Amino acid sequence: MLSRPVRRSVARGCALLALAVAPLATAVGPADAAPLATLDTTPATSIDVVALVGTDRHLYVGLAGQDDYRDLGGASYEAPLLIAGEQSSWFLRIGRNSVPYVRSFERGWARLAPDGVTCTKPSAAVDGDTLTVGCRGANGHLWTGRTTVVGDALPYLDRWVDRGGQVVHGGVAGVPRDGVFRYEVVGGDHVSYRKTTGQPGFAAVTGAPPCYGPLTQDDISGGGRACAKRDGTLVVSANDPADANGLASVALTAAGRPGLARDEDGTTRYYALDGAGALWTAGQSATGVVSRPRTVAAPTALYGVSAASLGASPEAAQALGQQLYG
């Protein structure tokens, strides 16, 4: 697998560190619980941010391995998305009647699209200052909206394009590669189909494993992908079969959308909910070695999980985050 670019990875880590230093409206847990900025971490281990939907349908966010999750409110009816940009980060949720909403750590929930735009099985990708969001539209096709993000303003997508395809288990929107956007859907035959900008139609992705559930991809060229096999456990590979170290099975039960957090050296952590809504994780080294699954402290959750990496140097990244956001 190709590694995540260093500049981009550091920038995204800094943006996500707003979680640790920016005030949020509500918190779960006792009033005297340690704030996220002061939680003890292991310096040699990457820190991941995890977003999930609780049984009350609120969106919760926290650092993986810590039990202090913050309640971001809202009423979610599908798995959330944590969208990590270079300067800001956002959360996307699907509300009642398939209406998409977005918020940041500092700004509350707002409509992502005009009235009449419905969205299910959402995905998103950031390339520089360009945000692309994909949804399964009312006709079953992959629809995408794209906008330029400015500062810490919430994105709003007022124009949407029908990219075709038949989205059954979920699509992937605008994964960039060398400046060319590519779009992917998982059809009813469990096959992944892809097309790039300018292509008239979708073609099957050679070498990609069958997906029996939602597909999650890293939005960096050459990153990883994960989805459920027929037996419900996770199968992972590279976005591009030529970059793969071979397919790997991860002994995680993937009930709903899996999460993926990837470091610049290619190390990846996968997150998934089991049938009871408990959160589990397993890692994969850059050479393809998979670690044993373990449980992760988190609220009981619905629908799936979204995750992103803050990097492997929490002290330095946290200090920089406090300078930028404190």
Protein backbone atom coordinates (compact mmCIF):
# COMPACT_ATOMS: atom_id res chain seq x y z
CA MET A 1 0.00 0.00 0.00
CA LEU A 2 1.12 3.56 -0.60
CA SER A 3 1.53 5.65 2.51
CA ARG A 4 -0.50 8.73 3.36
CA PRO A 5 1.40 11.94 2.46
CA VAL A 6 3.11 13.40 5.54
CA ARG A 7 2.01 17.01 5.06
CA ARG A 8 -1.59 16.03 4.62
CA SER A 9 -1.58 13.59 7.52
CA VAL A 10 -0.16 16.17 9.94
CA ALA A 11 -2.63 18.80 8.82
CA ARG A 12 -5.56 16.44 9.29
CA GLY A 13 -4.29 15.44 12.71
CA CYS A 14 -4.14 19.08 13.75
CA ALA A 15 -7.67 19.70 12.50
CA LEU A 16 -8.99 16.71 14.38
CA LEU A 17 -7.25 17.81 17.56
CA ALA A 18 -9.91 20.49 17.85
CA LEU A 19 -11.80 17.62 19.50
CA ALA A 20 -9.34 17.69 22.39
CA VAL A 21 -9.21 21.43 22.93
CA ALA A 22 -12.42 23.00 21.56
CA PRO A 23 -15.47 23.22 23.88
CA LEU A 24 -18.45 21.04 22.98
CA ALA A 25 -22.01 21.69 23.98
CA THR A 26 -22.61 18.50 25.94
CA ALA A 27 -20.57 15.75 27.55
CA VAL A 28 -21.48 12.28 28.79
CA GLY A 29 -20.03 10.93 31.98
CA PRO A 30 -19.45 12.58 35.36
CA ALA A 31 -18.91 16.33 35.51
CA ASP A 32 -15.42 15.88 36.94
CA ALA A 33 -14.26 13.46 34.23
CA ALA A 34 -10.84 14.26 32.76
CA PRO A 35 -11.11 16.43 29.60
CA LEU A 36 -9.93 14.75 26.42
CA ALA A 37 -6.92 17.09 26.19
CA THR A 38 -5.42 15.69 29.40
CA LEU A 39 -6.13 11.98 28.97
CA ASP A 40 -3.11 9.74 29.34
CA THR A 41 -1.97 8.11 26.11
CA THR A 42 0.81 5.76 25.05
CA PRO A 43 3.40 7.75 23.03
CA ALA A 44 4.27 4.83 20.75
CA THR A 45 0.65 4.23 19.73
CA SER A 46 -1.39 6.23 17.24
CA ILE A 47 -4.48 7.96 18.56
CA ASP A 48 -7.73 7.50 16.65
CA VAL A 49 -10.90 9.56 16.79
CA VAL A 50 -14.06 7.46 16.64
CA ALA A 51 -17.61 8.58 15.78
CA LEU A 52 -20.71 6.46 16.29
CA VAL A 53 -24.45 6.65 16.87
CA GLY A 54 -25.73 5.76 20.34
CA THR A 55 -28.94 3.96 21.13
CA ASP A 56 -30.56 7.38 21.65
CA ARG A 57 -29.61 8.16 18.01
CA HIS A 58 -27.26 10.96 19.09
CA LEU A 59 -23.81 11.16 17.53
CA TYR A 60 -20.96 10.46 19.97
CA VAL A 61 -17.28 11.14 19.42
CA GLY A 62 -14.22 10.22 21.47
CA LEU A 63 -10.67 8.94 21.43
CA ALA A 64 -10.41 5.19 20.88
CA GLY A 65 -9.55 3.41 24.09
CA GLN A 66 -11.00 6.11 26.36
CA ASP A 67 -14.47 5.94 27.86
CA ASP A 68 -15.18 9.70 27.81
CA TYR A 69 -17.28 10.22 24.69
CA ARG A 70 -18.91 13.54 23.85
CA ASP A 71 -22.54 13.84 22.81
CA LEU A 72 -22.91 15.91 19.62
CA GLY A 73 -26.69 15.50 19.55
CA GLY A 74 -28.75 15.17 16.42
CA ALA A 75 -31.01 12.29 15.45
CA SER A 76 -29.16 9.82 13.20
CA TYR A 77 -30.70 6.98 11.21
CA GLU A 78 -27.53 5.62 9.57
CA ALA A 79 -23.84 5.28 10.40
CA PRO A 80 -22.10 8.66 10.75
CA LEU A 81 -19.16 9.96 8.77
CA LEU A 82 -16.12 11.67 10.26
CA ILE A 83 -14.72 13.82 7.44
CA ALA A 84 -11.12 14.86 8.12
CA GLY A 85 -10.03 17.89 6.11
CA GLU A 86 -6.71 19.70 6.09
CA GLN A 87 -7.95 22.75 7.99
CA SER A 88 -11.25 21.59 9.51
CA SER A 89 -13.14 18.40 10.21
CA TRP A 90 -16.86 17.70 10.00
CA PHE A 91 -19.42 15.09 10.95
CA LEU A 92 -22.16 14.00 8.57
CA ARG A 93 -25.34 12.31 9.72
CA ILE A 94 -28.52 11.17 7.99
CA GLY A 95 -31.66 12.38 9.70
CA ARG A 96 -35.30 11.45 9.39
CA ASN A 97 -36.58 11.14 5.81
CA SER A 98 -32.98 10.66 4.55
CA VAL A 99 -32.05 14.33 5.01
CA PRO A 100 -28.25 14.90 5.31
CA TYR A 101 -26.87 17.17 8.04
CA VAL A 102 -23.35 18.35 8.83
CA ARG A 103 -21.61 19.91 11.82
CA SER A 104 -18.10 20.61 13.08
CA PHE A 105 -16.63 20.49 16.56
CA GLU A 106 -17.49 24.18 17.05
CA ARG A 107 -20.60 24.66 14.89
CA GLY A 108 -23.94 22.93 15.37
CA TRP A 109 -25.98 20.83 12.95
CA ALA A 110 -27.07 22.37 9.64
CA ARG A 111 -28.56 21.06 6.40
CA LEU A 112 -25.89 19.82 3.99
CA ALA A 113 -28.07 20.09 0.88
CA PRO A 114 -31.18 21.93 -0.37
CA ASP A 115 -34.74 20.76 0.27
CA GLY A 116 -35.62 17.74 -1.84
CA VAL A 117 -32.13 16.17 -1.79
CA THR A 118 -32.28 12.80 -0.08
CA CYS A 119 -29.25 10.80 0.93
CA THR A 120 -28.69 7.27 2.19
CA LYS A 121 -25.47 5.26 2.53
CA PRO A 122 -23.30 8.40 2.48
CA SER A 123 -19.57 8.61 1.82
CA ALA A 124 -17.15 11.51 1.53
CA ALA A 125 -13.64 12.39 0.41
CA VAL A 126 -11.45 15.47 0.81
CA ASP A 127 -8.82 16.46 -1.75
CA GLY A 128 -7.09 19.70 -0.75
CA ASP A 129 -9.90 22.21 -0.26
CA THR A 130 -12.43 20.17 -2.27
CA LEU A 131 -15.05 18.11 -0.44
CA THR A 132 -17.01 15.47 -2.34
CA VAL A 133 -20.02 13.73 -0.77
CA GLY A 134 -21.76 10.74 -2.30
CA CYS A 135 -25.19 9.30 -1.53
CA ARG A 136 -27.58 6.68 -2.75
CA GLY A 137 -30.31 8.71 -4.37
CA ALA A 138 -34.00 7.93 -4.60
CA ASN A 139 -33.39 6.16 -7.95
CA GLY A 140 -30.70 3.90 -6.45
CA HIS A 141 -27.86 5.64 -8.28
CA LEU A 142 -24.73 7.18 -6.80
CA TRP A 143 -25.25 10.94 -6.58
CA THR A 144 -22.37 13.27 -5.71
CA GLY A 145 -22.10 16.86 -4.59
CA ARG A 146 -18.87 18.83 -4.51
CA THR A 147 -17.83 22.13 -2.98
CA THR A 148 -14.79 24.16 -2.01
CA VAL A 149 -14.40 24.36 1.76
CA VAL A 150 -13.47 27.72 3.25
CA GLY A 151 -11.91 28.02 6.70
CA ASP A 152 -14.08 26.62 9.48
CA ALA A 153 -17.38 27.29 7.68
CA LEU A 154 -19.76 24.36 7.38
CA PRO A 155 -19.91 22.99 3.82
CA TYR A 156 -23.12 23.28 1.80
CA LEU A 157 -23.63 21.33 -1.42
CA ASP A 158 -26.24 22.92 -3.65
CA ARG A 159 -25.49 21.03 -6.89
CA TRP A 160 -25.63 17.24 -7.25
CA VAL A 161 -24.72 14.97 -10.20
CA ASP A 162 -26.17 11.55 -10.99
CA ARG A 163 -23.11 9.27 -11.49
CA GLY A 164 -25.20 6.20 -12.31
CA GLY A 165 -24.57 2.70 -11.04
CA GLN A 166 -26.83 0.77 -8.67
CA VAL A 167 -25.90 1.30 -5.05
CA VAL A 168 -26.98 -1.56 -2.79
CA HIS A 169 -24.40 -1.90 -0.03
CA GLY A 170 -23.07 1.63 -0.31
CA GLY A 171 -20.97 3.75 -2.63
CA VAL A 172 -17.72 5.63 -2.28
CA ALA A 173 -17.58 9.22 -3.45
CA GLY A 174 -14.74 10.90 -5.22
CA VAL A 175 -11.69 9.02 -3.96
CA PRO A 176 -8.92 11.12 -5.55
CA ARG A 177 -5.93 9.67 -7.37
CA ASP A 178 -3.40 12.01 -8.98
CA GLY A 179 -6.06 14.69 -9.33
CA VAL A 180 -8.58 12.33 -10.98
CA PHE A 181 -11.72 11.48 -9.02
CA ARG A 182 -12.99 7.94 -9.02
CA TYR A 183 -16.35 6.67 -7.84
CA GLU A 184 -17.24 3.23 -6.59
CA VAL A 185 -20.44 1.35 -5.78
CA VAL A 186 -21.22 -2.11 -4.41
CA GLY A 187 -24.07 -3.68 -6.35
CA GLY A 188 -26.64 -6.33 -5.50
CA ASP A 189 -24.24 -9.01 -6.79
CA HIS A 190 -21.76 -7.94 -4.05
CA VAL A 191 -19.27 -6.82 -6.71
CA SER A 192 -17.46 -3.48 -6.50
CA TYR A 193 -17.79 -1.30 -9.59
CA ARG A 194 -15.69 1.78 -10.29
CA LYS A 195 -15.41 4.60 -12.78
CA THR A 196 -13.24 7.69 -13.00
CA THR A 197 -14.10 11.19 -14.11
CA GLY A 198 -15.00 11.17 -17.79
CA GLN A 199 -15.79 7.46 -18.06
CA PRO A 200 -19.32 6.73 -19.32
CA GLY A 201 -20.03 3.80 -17.01
CA PHE A 202 -18.88 1.61 -14.16
CA ALA A 203 -16.61 -1.44 -14.55
CA ALA A 204 -15.97 -4.23 -12.06
CA VAL A 205 -12.89 -3.73 -9.87
CA THR A 206 -10.56 -6.60 -10.72
CA GLY A 207 -9.27 -8.37 -7.61
CA ALA A 208 -11.56 -6.63 -5.15
CA PRO A 209 -13.19 -9.00 -2.62
CA PRO A 210 -16.99 -9.41 -2.66
CA CYS A 211 -18.77 -7.11 -0.20
CA TYR A 212 -21.82 -8.27 1.72
CA GLY A 213 -22.16 -5.00 3.57
CA PRO A 214 -21.12 -1.33 3.40
CA LEU A 215 -17.71 -0.56 1.90
CA THR A 216 -15.26 1.79 3.64
CA GLN A 217 -12.17 3.18 1.90
CA ASP A 218 -9.35 5.46 2.90
CA ASP A 219 -9.65 8.59 0.76
CA ILE A 220 -5.92 8.73 -0.08
CA SER A 221 -4.66 7.15 -3.30
CA GLY A 222 -3.41 3.64 -2.60
CA GLY A 223 -5.11 3.40 0.81
CA GLY A 224 -7.10 0.54 2.25
CA ARG A 225 -10.62 -0.76 1.96
CA ALA A 226 -12.81 -2.89 4.19
CA CYS A 227 -16.20 -4.58 3.99
CA ALA A 228 -17.99 -7.63 5.38
CA LYS A 229 -17.68 -11.09 3.86
CA ARG A 230 -20.60 -13.50 3.49
CA ASP A 231 -20.06 -14.76 7.06
CA GLY A 232 -20.18 -11.20 8.44
CA THR A 233 -16.48 -10.92 9.27
CA LEU A 234 -14.29 -8.20 7.82
CA VAL A 235 -12.15 -8.57 4.69
CA VAL A 236 -9.55 -5.90 3.93
CA SER A 237 -7.30 -5.08 0.98
CA ALA A 238 -5.70 -2.16 -0.84
CA ASN A 239 -7.80 0.23 -2.92
CA ASP A 240 -5.68 -0.81 -5.90
CA PRO A 241 -5.10 -4.58 -6.22
CA ALA A 242 -1.61 -3.93 -7.63
CA ASP A 243 -0.66 -2.27 -4.34
CA ALA A 244 -2.04 -5.05 -2.15
CA ASN A 245 -0.06 -7.29 0.17
CA GLY A 246 -2.76 -9.86 -0.52
CA LEU A 247 -6.27 -10.00 0.92
CA ALA A 248 -6.56 -10.36 4.67
CA SER A 249 -9.44 -11.48 6.83
CA VAL A 250 -9.91 -9.70 10.15
CA ALA A 251 -11.78 -11.61 12.84
CA LEU A 252 -14.18 -8.74 13.48
CA THR A 253 -17.91 -9.09 13.05
CA ALA A 254 -18.91 -6.09 10.95
CA ALA A 255 -22.51 -5.20 11.78
CA GLY A 256 -23.02 -2.07 9.68
CA ARG A 257 -20.38 0.22 8.25
CA PRO A 258 -16.79 -0.51 9.38
CA GLY A 259 -14.33 2.25 10.27
CA LEU A 260 -10.76 2.67 9.06
CA ALA A 261 -7.93 4.77 10.53
CA ARG A 262 -4.63 4.79 8.63
CA ASP A 263 -1.22 6.23 9.49
CA GLU A 264 1.26 7.71 7.04
CA ASP A 265 3.42 4.54 7.27
CA GLY A 266 0.55 2.34 6.08
CA THR A 267 -0.40 0.94 9.49
CA THR A 268 -4.19 0.65 9.71
CA ARG A 269 -6.72 0.11 12.48
CA TYR A 270 -10.13 -1.29 11.59
CA TYR A 271 -13.19 -0.69 13.75
CA ALA A 272 -16.49 -2.55 13.67
CA LEU A 273 -19.60 -3.10 15.76
CA ASP A 274 -20.67 -6.58 16.76
CA GLY A 275 -24.30 -7.70 16.80
CA ALA A 276 -24.80 -6.28 20.29
CA GLY A 277 -23.49 -2.83 19.34
CA ALA A 278 -20.11 -3.19 21.08
CA LEU A 279 -17.06 -1.64 19.40
CA TRP A 280 -14.08 -3.81 18.40
CA THR A 281 -10.80 -3.08 16.68
CA ALA A 282 -7.92 -4.92 15.04
CA GLY A 283 -4.76 -3.57 13.42
CA GLN A 284 -2.85 -4.35 10.24
CA SER A 285 0.81 -3.47 9.74
CA ALA A 286 2.18 -1.97 6.54
CA THR A 287 3.38 -5.48 5.59
CA GLY A 288 -0.11 -6.97 6.00
CA VAL A 289 0.21 -8.62 9.43
CA VAL A 290 -3.15 -8.53 11.27
CA SER A 291 -3.38 -8.24 15.06
CA ARG A 292 -5.86 -9.95 17.37
CA PRO A 293 -9.21 -8.18 17.78
CA ARG A 294 -9.97 -6.44 21.06
CA THR A 295 -12.88 -4.52 22.48
CA VAL A 296 -12.84 -0.71 22.66
CA ALA A 297 -14.58 1.33 25.35
CA ALA A 298 -17.52 3.12 23.70
CA PRO A 299 -21.26 3.65 24.10
CA THR A 300 -23.44 0.87 22.74
CA ALA A 301 -23.92 1.87 19.12
CA LEU A 302 -26.11 1.46 16.03
CA TYR A 303 -25.46 1.26 12.29
CA GLY A 304 -21.65 1.37 12.16
CA VAL A 305 -18.61 3.48 12.96
CA SER A 306 -16.32 6.09 11.41
CA ALA A 307 -12.70 6.69 12.44
CA ALA A 308 -9.61 8.73 11.61
CA SER A 309 -6.01 8.73 12.84
CA LEU A 310 -4.38 11.58 14.77
CA GLY A 311 -0.91 10.14 14.21
CA ALA A 312 1.68 8.48 16.42
CA SER A 313 3.10 11.42 18.41
CA PRO A 314 0.32 12.58 20.76
CA GLU A 315 2.49 14.98 22.78
CA ALA A 316 3.79 16.92 19.78
CA ALA A 317 0.45 16.86 17.96
CA GLN A 318 -1.43 17.88 21.10
CA ALA A 319 0.91 20.81 21.73
CA LEU A 320 0.49 21.98 18.15
CA GLY A 321 -3.25 21.58 18.40
CA GLN A 322 -3.36 23.70 21.54
CA GLN A 323 -1.36 26.44 19.78
CA LEU A 324 -3.79 26.44 16.87
CA TYR A 325 -7.07 25.96 18.71
CA GLY A 326 -6.45 26.64 22.40
